[in-house]
């Protein structure tokens, strides 16, 4: 599976951005897709995930109520709608997918989100 992430950019605190992640290749094998991020000097952390099996979603506590992950089945694309952005949300955001439970085998190239104060 190949993943192409897009949608990053510069936004002021309180603003919104929508990230997209398009999957291609053996998309029939995908069980879940997720977003991770890595801020400057920080380790990569989980942000959100969407199950392709039962459409359930999961969020990191830090983004609950502000971020929404969704999927367009026809386009094999997952979105991350980010509202009420905070400076602390600045990071390179990566999308990933897994064909086995609790694993992410394929990763996109990352898209930079910068939130200014």
Protein backbone atom coordinates (compact mmCIF):
# COMPACT_ATOMS: atom_id res chain seq x y z
CA UNK A 1 0.00 0.00 0.00
CA UNK A 2 1.23 3.47 -0.86
CA UNK A 3 0.10 6.54 1.06
CA UNK A 4 0.15 10.15 -0.06
CA UNK A 5 -0.45 12.78 2.58
CA UNK A 6 -1.28 16.40 1.88
CA UNK A 7 -2.92 19.46 3.38
CA UNK A 8 -0.35 20.80 5.79
CA UNK A 9 0.48 24.46 6.04
CA UNK A 10 0.77 27.53 8.23
CA UNK A 11 -2.22 28.59 10.28
CA UNK A 12 -2.82 30.88 13.23
CA UNK A 13 -3.78 29.51 16.59
CA UNK A 14 -7.50 28.88 16.71
CA UNK A 15 -7.64 28.14 13.01
CA UNK A 16 -8.37 24.96 11.11
CA UNK A 17 -6.69 22.68 8.60
CA UNK A 18 -7.73 19.47 6.90
CA UNK A 19 -5.17 16.82 6.12
CA UNK A 20 -5.76 14.14 3.50
CA UNK A 21 -4.18 10.74 3.06
CA UNK A 22 -4.86 8.84 -0.15
CA UNK A 23 -4.15 5.13 -0.25
CA UNK A 24 -3.31 3.19 -3.40
CA UNK A 25 -2.23 -0.30 -4.23
CA UNK A 26 -3.56 -3.20 -2.17
CA UNK A 27 -6.16 -1.08 -0.41
CA UNK A 28 -8.47 -4.07 0.02
CA UNK A 29 -6.08 -5.36 2.69
CA UNK A 30 -6.22 -2.27 4.89
CA UNK A 31 -7.77 -2.76 8.32
CA UNK A 32 -7.13 0.68 9.77
CA UNK A 33 -5.55 4.01 9.00
CA UNK A 34 -4.20 6.54 11.40
CA UNK A 35 -2.42 9.82 11.87
CA UNK A 36 0.70 10.35 13.90
CA UNK A 37 2.77 13.45 14.47
CA UNK A 38 6.26 14.40 15.48
CA UNK A 39 6.95 17.84 16.83
CA UNK A 40 10.38 19.50 17.08
CA UNK A 41 12.50 17.62 19.57
CA UNK A 42 9.68 15.25 20.38
CA UNK A 43 8.99 11.61 19.75
CA UNK A 44 6.37 10.54 17.27
CA UNK A 45 2.96 10.25 18.88
CA UNK A 46 -0.39 8.83 17.96
CA UNK A 47 -3.09 11.31 16.98
CA UNK A 48 -6.12 9.46 15.60
CA UNK A 49 -7.15 6.22 13.93
CA UNK A 50 -10.05 4.98 11.85
CA UNK A 51 -11.01 1.35 11.49
CA UNK A 52 -11.89 0.22 7.98
CA UNK A 53 -13.59 -2.81 9.46
CA UNK A 54 -16.21 -1.24 11.72
CA UNK A 55 -15.62 2.51 11.15
CA UNK A 56 -14.73 3.05 14.80
CA UNK A 57 -12.41 5.91 15.65
CA UNK A 58 -9.85 6.60 18.32
CA UNK A 59 -8.18 9.81 19.40
CA UNK A 60 -5.32 10.93 21.57
CA UNK A 61 -6.55 12.79 24.62
CA UNK A 62 -4.75 15.92 23.48
CA UNK A 63 -6.88 16.24 20.34
CA UNK A 64 -10.27 14.92 21.47
CA UNK A 65 -13.03 17.36 20.68
CA UNK A 66 -10.83 19.32 18.26
CA UNK A 67 -9.76 16.79 15.61
CA UNK A 68 -11.98 14.51 13.58
CA UNK A 69 -10.83 11.58 11.47
CA UNK A 70 -13.05 10.42 8.63
CA UNK A 71 -12.90 8.30 5.52
CA UNK A 72 -14.11 8.56 1.94
CA UNK A 73 -14.57 4.94 0.93
CA UNK A 74 -14.81 5.66 -2.78
CA UNK A 75 -11.54 7.56 -2.79
CA UNK A 76 -9.66 5.33 -0.32
CA UNK A 77 -8.82 8.53 1.47
CA UNK A 78 -8.74 9.38 5.13
CA UNK A 79 -9.05 12.94 6.37
CA UNK A 80 -8.01 14.63 9.58
CA UNK A 81 -10.04 17.76 10.24
CA UNK A 82 -8.16 19.85 12.76
CA UNK A 83 -10.03 22.67 14.48
CA UNK A 84 -9.08 25.03 17.28
CA UNK A 85 -5.43 24.46 16.49
CA UNK A 86 -2.88 25.24 19.15
CA UNK A 87 0.80 26.09 18.86
CA UNK A 88 1.51 22.72 20.46
CA UNK A 89 -0.11 21.01 17.46
CA UNK A 90 2.78 22.12 15.25
CA UNK A 91 4.44 19.00 13.89
CA UNK A 92 5.06 16.85 10.88
CA UNK A 93 1.94 14.74 10.49
CA UNK A 94 2.22 11.25 9.08
CA UNK A 95 -0.53 8.97 7.92
CA UNK A 96 -0.13 5.24 8.22
CA UNK A 97 -2.13 2.11 7.60
CA UNK A 98 -2.14 -1.43 8.80
CA UNK A 99 -3.26 -4.73 7.42
CA UNK A 100 -2.94 -6.48 10.77
CA UNK A 101 -4.42 -5.55 14.10
CA UNK A 102 -2.42 -3.05 16.16
CA UNK A 103 0.22 -2.65 13.48
CA UNK A 104 1.02 0.09 10.99
CA UNK A 105 3.15 -1.25 8.15
CA UNK A 106 2.88 1.51 5.57
CA UNK A 107 3.65 5.17 6.12
CA UNK A 108 3.14 8.31 4.09
CA UNK A 109 5.80 10.95 3.58
CA UNK A 110 4.59 13.44 6.19
CA UNK A 111 3.08 16.87 5.89
CA UNK A 112 4.15 19.87 7.97
CA UNK A 113 1.65 21.75 10.10
CA UNK A 114 2.80 24.98 11.69
CA UNK A 115 0.54 26.84 14.10
CA UNK A 116 1.57 30.39 14.91
CA UNK A 117 0.58 32.32 18.01
